[in-house]
């Protein structure tokens, strides 16, 4: 089960950064159910959520139900490479929740232009851009738990690539700071938040591997990968039974404002 959005460390940090400001109109620039649940818990004047796939839009609308959206709320499908997307619309808050890493699946190599593209949608003077991201994993880990996380991540990415699909491409927090400045933003607050992994992470990531197997045409390779996925799942479950959790890596939350004039 997903954590309550109000109890989520990332969103709690974001709310602390926001302080007593009004939320006003909110743009969820790369939406998902988790971020939408959090936004719906806020006192907003309305929200717009952007997804890159029609099927994802339909799924979100179905899950929200008839009473889950007000007249001022909407979900739209689009790609931030399209200059016509939300042209002329401005928001008090723009949220890029893991969008930087995920956008490579919809707009490859667009990361360096993403914040410049979102800038026109952030209200002058009072508007805020919030960026939530994952610090890229190091190449090596110092302990068995971290080594398991890296092994899971590498297997996930291998299965994605062998299926002919694109992996996420995460960027460091310092890179985000520099790119925000180049795009005309000032970083107001920035914080790294340590990650603690549990069984949900293990099963979620390895289930991605399983879903990619039907796209791999080599039946021998597919069978070998399936066996390796379940072997790794067994080892990770056993490790978690011994230690409880795996602390490894960090997410980050960044608050930025437009620089004008």
C-alpha atoms as a PDB file:
ATOM      1  CA  UNK A   1       0.000   0.000   0.000  1.00  0.00           C
ATOM      2  CA  UNK A   2       1.251   3.494  -0.819  1.00  0.00           C
ATOM      3  CA  UNK A   3       2.168   5.703   2.132  1.00  0.00           C
ATOM      4  CA  UNK A   4      -0.221   8.475   3.094  1.00  0.00           C
ATOM      5  CA  UNK A   5       0.929  11.499   1.046  1.00  0.00           C
ATOM      6  CA  UNK A   6       0.922  13.717   4.155  1.00  0.00           C
ATOM      7  CA  UNK A   7       3.345  11.273   5.799  1.00  0.00           C
ATOM      8  CA  UNK A   8       5.675  11.079   2.791  1.00  0.00           C
ATOM      9  CA  UNK A   9       9.068  12.546   3.688  1.00  0.00           C
ATOM     10  CA  UNK A  10       9.483  14.187   0.290  1.00  0.00           C
ATOM     11  CA  UNK A  11       6.114  15.911   0.259  1.00  0.00           C
ATOM     12  CA  UNK A  12       6.496  16.869   3.922  1.00  0.00           C
ATOM     13  CA  UNK A  13       9.768  18.578   3.027  1.00  0.00           C
ATOM     14  CA  UNK A  14       8.108  20.304   0.095  1.00  0.00           C
ATOM     15  CA  UNK A  15       5.308  21.576   2.351  1.00  0.00           C
ATOM     16  CA  UNK A  16       7.896  22.879   4.809  1.00  0.00           C
ATOM     17  CA  UNK A  17       9.650  24.722   1.982  1.00  0.00           C
ATOM     18  CA  UNK A  18       6.316  26.214   0.884  1.00  0.00           C
ATOM     19  CA  UNK A  19       5.485  27.560   4.325  1.00  0.00           C
ATOM     20  CA  UNK A  20       2.405  29.777   4.596  1.00  0.00           C
ATOM     21  CA  UNK A  21       2.192  30.608   0.880  1.00  0.00           C
ATOM     22  CA  UNK A  22      -1.061  29.978  -0.938  1.00  0.00           C
ATOM     23  CA  UNK A  23      -1.023  26.929  -3.226  1.00  0.00           C
ATOM     24  CA  UNK A  24      -3.302  28.594  -5.788  1.00  0.00           C
ATOM     25  CA  UNK A  25      -3.249  26.862  -9.151  1.00  0.00           C
ATOM     26  CA  UNK A  26      -0.945  23.832  -9.292  1.00  0.00           C
ATOM     27  CA  UNK A  27       0.657  22.147 -12.304  1.00  0.00           C
ATOM     28  CA  UNK A  28       1.805  18.558 -11.835  1.00  0.00           C
ATOM     29  CA  UNK A  29       4.153  18.468 -14.821  1.00  0.00           C
ATOM     30  CA  UNK A  30       4.740  14.722 -14.768  1.00  0.00           C
ATOM     31  CA  UNK A  31       1.849  13.234 -12.893  1.00  0.00           C
ATOM     32  CA  UNK A  32       1.214   9.936 -11.173  1.00  0.00           C
ATOM     33  CA  UNK A  33      -1.280   8.702  -8.623  1.00  0.00           C
ATOM     34  CA  UNK A  34       1.054   9.389  -5.706  1.00  0.00           C
ATOM     35  CA  UNK A  35       1.605  13.058  -6.550  1.00  0.00           C
ATOM     36  CA  UNK A  36      -2.075  13.527  -7.424  1.00  0.00           C
ATOM     37  CA  UNK A  37      -3.142  12.145  -4.057  1.00  0.00           C
ATOM     38  CA  UNK A  38      -0.872  14.644  -2.356  1.00  0.00           C
ATOM     39  CA  UNK A  39      -2.042  17.590  -4.484  1.00  0.00           C
ATOM     40  CA  UNK A  40      -5.666  16.704  -3.795  1.00  0.00           C
ATOM     41  CA  UNK A  41      -4.918  16.920  -0.047  1.00  0.00           C
ATOM     42  CA  UNK A  42      -3.891  20.599  -0.432  1.00  0.00           C
ATOM     43  CA  UNK A  43      -6.091  23.694  -0.477  1.00  0.00           C
ATOM     44  CA  UNK A  44      -5.698  24.554  -4.148  1.00  0.00           C
ATOM     45  CA  UNK A  45      -7.767  26.695  -6.490  1.00  0.00           C
ATOM     46  CA  UNK A  46      -7.388  23.970  -9.107  1.00  0.00           C
ATOM     47  CA  UNK A  47      -4.821  21.654 -10.583  1.00  0.00           C
ATOM     48  CA  UNK A  48      -3.646  20.494 -13.990  1.00  0.00           C
ATOM     49  CA  UNK A  49      -1.827  17.161 -14.280  1.00  0.00           C
ATOM     50  CA  UNK A  50       0.200  16.232 -17.366  1.00  0.00           C
ATOM     51  CA  UNK A  51       0.946  12.657 -18.408  1.00  0.00           C
ATOM     52  CA  UNK A  52       2.733  11.363 -21.468  1.00  0.00           C
ATOM     53  CA  UNK A  53       0.283   8.601 -22.417  1.00  0.00           C
ATOM     54  CA  UNK A  54      -3.457   8.557 -23.121  1.00  0.00           C
ATOM     55  CA  UNK A  55      -3.748   5.170 -21.388  1.00  0.00           C
ATOM     56  CA  UNK A  56      -2.191   6.677 -18.261  1.00  0.00           C
ATOM     57  CA  UNK A  57      -4.640   9.594 -18.359  1.00  0.00           C
ATOM     58  CA  UNK A  58      -7.577   7.203 -18.646  1.00  0.00           C
ATOM     59  CA  UNK A  59      -6.276   5.055 -15.783  1.00  0.00           C
ATOM     60  CA  UNK A  60      -5.861   8.072 -13.489  1.00  0.00           C
ATOM     61  CA  UNK A  61      -9.327   9.379 -14.326  1.00  0.00           C
ATOM     62  CA  UNK A  62     -10.811   5.956 -13.630  1.00  0.00           C
ATOM     63  CA  UNK A  63      -9.021   5.651 -10.298  1.00  0.00           C
ATOM     64  CA  UNK A  64     -10.040   9.144  -9.201  1.00  0.00           C
ATOM     65  CA  UNK A  65     -13.677   8.542 -10.103  1.00  0.00           C
ATOM     66  CA  UNK A  66     -16.455  11.019 -10.781  1.00  0.00           C
ATOM     67  CA  UNK A  67     -15.994  12.793  -7.443  1.00  0.00           C
ATOM     68  CA  UNK A  68     -12.205  12.938  -7.599  1.00  0.00           C
ATOM     69  CA  UNK A  69     -11.952  16.076  -9.724  1.00  0.00           C
ATOM     70  CA  UNK A  70     -13.502  19.530  -9.492  1.00  0.00           C
ATOM     71  CA  UNK A  71     -14.421  21.719 -12.437  1.00  0.00           C
ATOM     72  CA  UNK A  72     -11.037  23.452 -11.986  1.00  0.00           C
ATOM     73  CA  UNK A  73      -9.098  20.162 -12.117  1.00  0.00           C
ATOM     74  CA  UNK A  74      -8.003  18.274 -15.235  1.00  0.00           C
ATOM     75  CA  UNK A  75      -5.633  15.631 -16.540  1.00  0.00           C
ATOM     76  CA  UNK A  76      -4.094  16.157 -19.989  1.00  0.00           C
ATOM     77  CA  UNK A  77      -1.853  14.071 -22.205  1.00  0.00           C
ATOM     78  CA  UNK A  78       1.081  15.796 -23.831  1.00  0.00           C
ATOM     79  CA  UNK A  79       4.823  16.053 -24.328  1.00  0.00           C
ATOM     80  CA  UNK A  80       6.908  18.958 -23.072  1.00  0.00           C
ATOM     81  CA  UNK A  81       8.730  19.082 -26.407  1.00  0.00           C
ATOM     82  CA  UNK A  82       5.422  20.390 -27.835  1.00  0.00           C
ATOM     83  CA  UNK A  83       5.526  24.186 -27.516  1.00  0.00           C
ATOM     84  CA  UNK A  84       1.720  24.321 -27.780  1.00  0.00           C
ATOM     85  CA  UNK A  85       1.217  22.274 -24.599  1.00  0.00           C
ATOM     86  CA  UNK A  86      -0.513  24.570 -22.036  1.00  0.00           C
ATOM     87  CA  UNK A  87       0.586  27.624 -24.022  1.00  0.00           C
ATOM     88  CA  UNK A  88      -0.135  30.850 -22.134  1.00  0.00           C
ATOM     89  CA  UNK A  89      -1.146  29.149 -18.882  1.00  0.00           C
ATOM     90  CA  UNK A  90       0.567  30.130 -15.619  1.00  0.00           C
ATOM     91  CA  UNK A  91       0.485  28.459 -12.214  1.00  0.00           C
ATOM     92  CA  UNK A  92       1.367  29.395  -8.656  1.00  0.00           C
ATOM     93  CA  UNK A  93       3.111  26.057  -8.135  1.00  0.00           C
ATOM     94  CA  UNK A  94       4.734  23.788 -10.716  1.00  0.00           C
ATOM     95  CA  UNK A  95       5.743  20.328  -9.500  1.00  0.00           C
ATOM     96  CA  UNK A  96       8.299  18.195 -11.345  1.00  0.00           C
ATOM     97  CA  UNK A  97       8.033  14.999  -9.302  1.00  0.00           C
ATOM     98  CA  UNK A  98      10.684  12.585 -10.642  1.00  0.00           C
ATOM     99  CA  UNK A  99       9.977  14.101 -14.060  1.00  0.00           C
ATOM    100  CA  UNK A 100      13.648  14.764 -14.781  1.00  0.00           C
ATOM    101  CA  UNK A 101      14.493  11.050 -14.719  1.00  0.00           C
ATOM    102  CA  UNK A 102      11.280   9.797 -16.310  1.00  0.00           C
ATOM    103  CA  UNK A 103      11.142  12.210 -19.244  1.00  0.00           C
ATOM    104  CA  UNK A 104      13.826  10.285 -21.121  1.00  0.00           C
ATOM    105  CA  UNK A 105      11.161   7.702 -21.957  1.00  0.00           C
ATOM    106  CA  UNK A 106       9.028  10.303 -23.733  1.00  0.00           C
ATOM    107  CA  UNK A 107      11.461  13.034 -24.789  1.00  0.00           C
ATOM    108  CA  UNK A 108      15.022  11.673 -24.957  1.00  0.00           C
ATOM    109  CA  UNK A 109      17.810  14.183 -24.231  1.00  0.00           C
ATOM    110  CA  UNK A 110      15.315  16.922 -23.322  1.00  0.00           C
ATOM    111  CA  UNK A 111      16.497  17.170 -19.709  1.00  0.00           C
ATOM    112  CA  UNK A 112      18.770  20.157 -20.351  1.00  0.00           C
ATOM    113  CA  UNK A 113      15.773  22.133 -21.672  1.00  0.00           C
ATOM    114  CA  UNK A 114      13.113  20.937 -19.238  1.00  0.00           C
ATOM    115  CA  UNK A 115      13.342  23.767 -16.689  1.00  0.00           C
ATOM    116  CA  UNK A 116      13.537  26.388 -19.426  1.00  0.00           C
ATOM    117  CA  UNK A 117      10.371  24.862 -20.894  1.00  0.00           C
ATOM    118  CA  UNK A 118       8.541  24.902 -17.544  1.00  0.00           C
ATOM    119  CA  UNK A 119       9.649  28.439 -16.643  1.00  0.00           C
ATOM    120  CA  UNK A 120       6.924  30.170 -18.672  1.00  0.00           C
ATOM    121  CA  UNK A 121       4.295  28.312 -16.625  1.00  0.00           C
ATOM    122  CA  UNK A 122       5.635  29.552 -13.271  1.00  0.00           C
ATOM    123  CA  UNK A 123       3.915  32.755 -12.173  1.00  0.00           C
ATOM    124  CA  UNK A 124       6.178  35.816 -12.036  1.00  0.00           C
ATOM    125  CA  UNK A 125       7.274  37.015  -8.596  1.00  0.00           C
ATOM    126  CA  UNK A 126       5.168  34.679  -6.449  1.00  0.00           C
ATOM    127  CA  UNK A 127       5.403  31.376  -8.358  1.00  0.00           C
ATOM    128  CA  UNK A 128       7.423  28.365  -7.238  1.00  0.00           C
ATOM    129  CA  UNK A 129       8.941  25.378  -9.059  1.00  0.00           C
ATOM    130  CA  UNK A 130       9.487  22.249  -6.982  1.00  0.00           C
ATOM    131  CA  UNK A 131      11.788  19.506  -8.250  1.00  0.00           C
ATOM    132  CA  UNK A 132      11.814  16.028  -6.706  1.00  0.00           C
ATOM    133  CA  UNK A 133      14.460  13.628  -7.956  1.00  0.00           C
ATOM    134  CA  UNK A 134      16.657  10.640  -7.242  1.00  0.00           C
ATOM    135  CA  UNK A 135      20.386  11.071  -6.739  1.00  0.00           C
ATOM    136  CA  UNK A 136      22.019   8.671  -9.239  1.00  0.00           C
ATOM    137  CA  UNK A 137      23.305   5.492  -7.666  1.00  0.00           C
ATOM    138  CA  UNK A 138      27.067   5.145  -7.230  1.00  0.00           C
ATOM    139  CA  UNK A 139      28.888   2.438  -9.148  1.00  0.00           C
ATOM    140  CA  UNK A 140      29.661   0.486  -5.986  1.00  0.00           C
ATOM    141  CA  UNK A 141      28.199  -0.016  -2.527  1.00  0.00           C
ATOM    142  CA  UNK A 142      30.045  -0.532   0.739  1.00  0.00           C
ATOM    143  CA  UNK A 143      27.658  -3.078   2.255  1.00  0.00           C
ATOM    144  CA  UNK A 144      25.606  -6.111   1.150  1.00  0.00           C
ATOM    145  CA  UNK A 145      22.296  -4.221   1.226  1.00  0.00           C
ATOM    146  CA  UNK A 146      23.563  -1.508  -1.072  1.00  0.00           C
ATOM    147  CA  UNK A 147      25.064  -4.132  -3.358  1.00  0.00           C
ATOM    148  CA  UNK A 148      21.624  -5.765  -3.639  1.00  0.00           C
ATOM    149  CA  UNK A 149      20.010  -2.429  -4.549  1.00  0.00           C
ATOM    150  CA  UNK A 150      22.587  -1.920  -7.295  1.00  0.00           C
ATOM    151  CA  UNK A 151      22.123  -5.458  -8.562  1.00  0.00           C
ATOM    152  CA  UNK A 152      18.351  -4.978  -8.726  1.00  0.00           C
ATOM    153  CA  UNK A 153      18.692  -1.643 -10.527  1.00  0.00           C
ATOM    154  CA  UNK A 154      21.122  -3.062 -13.086  1.00  0.00           C
ATOM    155  CA  UNK A 155      18.917  -6.061 -13.793  1.00  0.00           C
ATOM    156  CA  UNK A 156      15.870  -3.810 -14.171  1.00  0.00           C
ATOM    157  CA  UNK A 157      17.670  -1.580 -16.660  1.00  0.00           C
ATOM    158  CA  UNK A 158      19.031  -4.572 -18.569  1.00  0.00           C
ATOM    159  CA  UNK A 159      15.532  -6.017 -18.961  1.00  0.00           C
ATOM    160  CA  UNK A 160      14.157  -2.655 -20.074  1.00  0.00           C
ATOM    161  CA  UNK A 161      16.871  -2.270 -22.716  1.00  0.00           C
ATOM    162  CA  UNK A 162      16.567  -5.855 -23.942  1.00  0.00           C
ATOM    163  CA  UNK A 163      12.826  -5.251 -24.349  1.00  0.00           C
ATOM    164  CA  UNK A 164      13.652  -2.328 -26.645  1.00  0.00           C
ATOM    165  CA  UNK A 165      12.428   0.324 -24.212  1.00  0.00           C
ATOM    166  CA  UNK A 166      14.122   3.315 -22.605  1.00  0.00           C
ATOM    167  CA  UNK A 167      15.419   3.519 -19.033  1.00  0.00           C
ATOM    168  CA  UNK A 168      15.048   6.476 -16.700  1.00  0.00           C
ATOM    169  CA  UNK A 169      18.052   8.791 -16.625  1.00  0.00           C
ATOM    170  CA  UNK A 170      18.580  10.384 -13.212  1.00  0.00           C
ATOM    171  CA  UNK A 171      20.650  13.530 -12.590  1.00  0.00           C
ATOM    172  CA  UNK A 172      22.523  14.709  -9.468  1.00  0.00           C
ATOM    173  CA  UNK A 173      21.179  17.503  -7.289  1.00  0.00           C
ATOM    174  CA  UNK A 174      24.174  19.761  -8.063  1.00  0.00           C
ATOM    175  CA  UNK A 175      23.490  19.329 -11.791  1.00  0.00           C
ATOM    176  CA  UNK A 176      19.887  20.394 -11.173  1.00  0.00           C
ATOM    177  CA  UNK A 177      21.073  23.496  -9.297  1.00  0.00           C
ATOM    178  CA  UNK A 178      23.264  24.550 -12.220  1.00  0.00           C
ATOM    179  CA  UNK A 179      20.615  23.827 -14.833  1.00  0.00           C
ATOM    180  CA  UNK A 180      17.956  25.741 -12.892  1.00  0.00           C
ATOM    181  CA  UNK A 181      20.265  28.780 -12.755  1.00  0.00           C
ATOM    182  CA  UNK A 182      20.892  28.553 -16.502  1.00  0.00           C
ATOM    183  CA  UNK A 183      17.123  28.417 -17.078  1.00  0.00           C
ATOM    184  CA  UNK A 184      16.488  31.627 -15.114  1.00  0.00           C
ATOM    185  CA  UNK A 185      15.656  30.260 -11.661  1.00  0.00           C
ATOM    186  CA  UNK A 186      17.064  30.946  -8.218  1.00  0.00           C
ATOM    187  CA  UNK A 187      17.280  27.991  -5.839  1.00  0.00           C
ATOM    188  CA  UNK A 188      15.528  28.952  -2.602  1.00  0.00           C
ATOM    189  CA  UNK A 189      15.834  25.666  -0.712  1.00  0.00           C
ATOM    190  CA  UNK A 190      17.407  22.285  -1.394  1.00  0.00           C
ATOM    191  CA  UNK A 191      17.611  19.150   0.696  1.00  0.00           C
ATOM    192  CA  UNK A 192      18.745  15.554   0.267  1.00  0.00           C
ATOM    193  CA  UNK A 193      16.624  12.894   1.963  1.00  0.00           C
ATOM    194  CA  UNK A 194      18.149   9.458   2.689  1.00  0.00           C
ATOM    195  CA  UNK A 195      16.264   6.481   1.251  1.00  0.00           C
ATOM    196  CA  UNK A 196      15.335   3.393   3.237  1.00  0.00           C
ATOM    197  CA  UNK A 197      14.377   0.467   0.994  1.00  0.00           C
ATOM    198  CA  UNK A 198      11.953  -2.288   1.979  1.00  0.00           C
ATOM    199  CA  UNK A 199      10.386  -5.340   0.371  1.00  0.00           C
ATOM    200  CA  UNK A 200       8.043  -3.150  -1.663  1.00  0.00           C
ATOM    201  CA  UNK A 201      11.030  -1.720  -3.564  1.00  0.00           C
ATOM    202  CA  UNK A 202      12.473  -5.173  -4.261  1.00  0.00           C
ATOM    203  CA  UNK A 203       9.207  -6.580  -5.594  1.00  0.00           C
ATOM    204  CA  UNK A 204       8.275  -3.418  -7.494  1.00  0.00           C
ATOM    205  CA  UNK A 205      11.565  -3.243  -9.381  1.00  0.00           C
ATOM    206  CA  UNK A 206      11.786  -6.966 -10.088  1.00  0.00           C
ATOM    207  CA  UNK A 207       8.160  -6.991 -11.238  1.00  0.00           C
ATOM    208  CA  UNK A 208       9.205  -4.397 -13.845  1.00  0.00           C
ATOM    209  CA  UNK A 209      11.729  -6.989 -15.044  1.00  0.00           C
ATOM    210  CA  UNK A 210       9.006  -9.650 -15.262  1.00  0.00           C
ATOM    211  CA  UNK A 211       6.736  -7.351 -17.296  1.00  0.00           C
ATOM    212  CA  UNK A 212       9.523  -6.768 -19.816  1.00  0.00           C
ATOM    213  CA  UNK A 213      10.164 -10.471 -20.479  1.00  0.00           C
ATOM    214  CA  UNK A 214       7.407 -10.934 -23.125  1.00  0.00           C
ATOM    215  CA  UNK A 215       9.133  -8.276 -25.267  1.00  0.00           C
ATOM    216  CA  UNK A 216      12.383 -10.295 -25.392  1.00  0.00           C
ATOM    217  CA  UNK A 217      12.235 -12.570 -28.430  1.00  0.00           C
ATOM    218  CA  UNK A 218      15.143 -14.880 -27.545  1.00  0.00           C
ATOM    219  CA  UNK A 219      13.360 -17.617 -25.572  1.00  0.00           C
ATOM    220  CA  UNK A 220      16.560 -18.954 -24.017  1.00  0.00           C
ATOM    221  CA  UNK A 221      17.589 -15.512 -22.812  1.00  0.00           C
ATOM    222  CA  UNK A 222      14.065 -14.902 -21.542  1.00  0.00           C
ATOM    223  CA  UNK A 223      14.122 -18.126 -19.504  1.00  0.00           C
ATOM    224  CA  UNK A 224      17.550 -17.335 -18.050  1.00  0.00           C
ATOM    225  CA  UNK A 225      16.474 -13.843 -17.062  1.00  0.00           C
ATOM    226  CA  UNK A 226      13.294 -15.138 -15.447  1.00  0.00           C
ATOM    227  CA  UNK A 227      15.304 -17.549 -13.317  1.00  0.00           C
ATOM    228  CA  UNK A 228      17.800 -14.824 -12.396  1.00  0.00           C
ATOM    229  CA  UNK A 229      14.983 -12.415 -11.439  1.00  0.00           C
ATOM    230  CA  UNK A 230      13.472 -14.915  -9.021  1.00  0.00           C
ATOM    231  CA  UNK A 231      16.877 -15.888  -7.616  1.00  0.00           C
ATOM    232  CA  UNK A 232      17.637 -12.244  -6.901  1.00  0.00           C
ATOM    233  CA  UNK A 233      14.178 -11.763  -5.385  1.00  0.00           C
ATOM    234  CA  UNK A 234      14.790 -14.700  -3.032  1.00  0.00           C
ATOM    235  CA  UNK A 235      18.194 -13.364  -1.955  1.00  0.00           C
ATOM    236  CA  UNK A 236      16.829  -9.841  -1.391  1.00  0.00           C
ATOM    237  CA  UNK A 237      13.857 -11.105   0.626  1.00  0.00           C
ATOM    238  CA  UNK A 238      16.178 -13.193   2.786  1.00  0.00           C
ATOM    239  CA  UNK A 239      18.447 -10.195   3.395  1.00  0.00           C
ATOM    240  CA  UNK A 240      15.490  -8.026   4.420  1.00  0.00           C
ATOM    241  CA  UNK A 241      14.262 -10.712   6.805  1.00  0.00           C
ATOM    242  CA  UNK A 242      17.656 -10.539   8.516  1.00  0.00           C
ATOM    243  CA  UNK A 243      18.135  -6.756   8.621  1.00  0.00           C
ATOM    244  CA  UNK A 244      14.657  -5.239   8.203  1.00  0.00           C
ATOM    245  CA  UNK A 245      15.506  -2.382   5.827  1.00  0.00           C
ATOM    246  CA  UNK A 246      18.244  -1.251   3.435  1.00  0.00           C
ATOM    247  CA  UNK A 247      19.411   2.373   3.836  1.00  0.00           C
ATOM    248  CA  UNK A 248      21.004   3.394   0.559  1.00  0.00           C
ATOM    249  CA  UNK A 249      21.187   6.518  -1.597  1.00  0.00           C
ATOM    250  CA  UNK A 250      19.085   9.662  -1.417  1.00  0.00           C
ATOM    251  CA  UNK A 251      16.231  11.546  -3.010  1.00  0.00           C
ATOM    252  CA  UNK A 252      16.180  15.337  -3.128  1.00  0.00           C
ATOM    253  CA  UNK A 253      13.676  18.175  -3.019  1.00  0.00           C
ATOM    254  CA  UNK A 254      14.487  21.578  -4.529  1.00  0.00           C
ATOM    255  CA  UNK A 255      12.448  24.796  -4.368  1.00  0.00           C
ATOM    256  CA  UNK A 256      13.165  27.462  -6.992  1.00  0.00           C
ATOM    257  CA  UNK A 257      11.750  30.828  -8.017  1.00  0.00           C
ATOM    258  CA  UNK A 258      11.867  32.693 -11.310  1.00  0.00           C
ATOM    259  CA  UNK A 259      14.431  35.436 -11.774  1.00  0.00           C
ATOM    260  CA  UNK A 260      12.879  38.257 -13.793  1.00  0.00           C
ATOM    261  CA  UNK A 261      14.239  41.627 -14.775  1.00  0.00           C
END
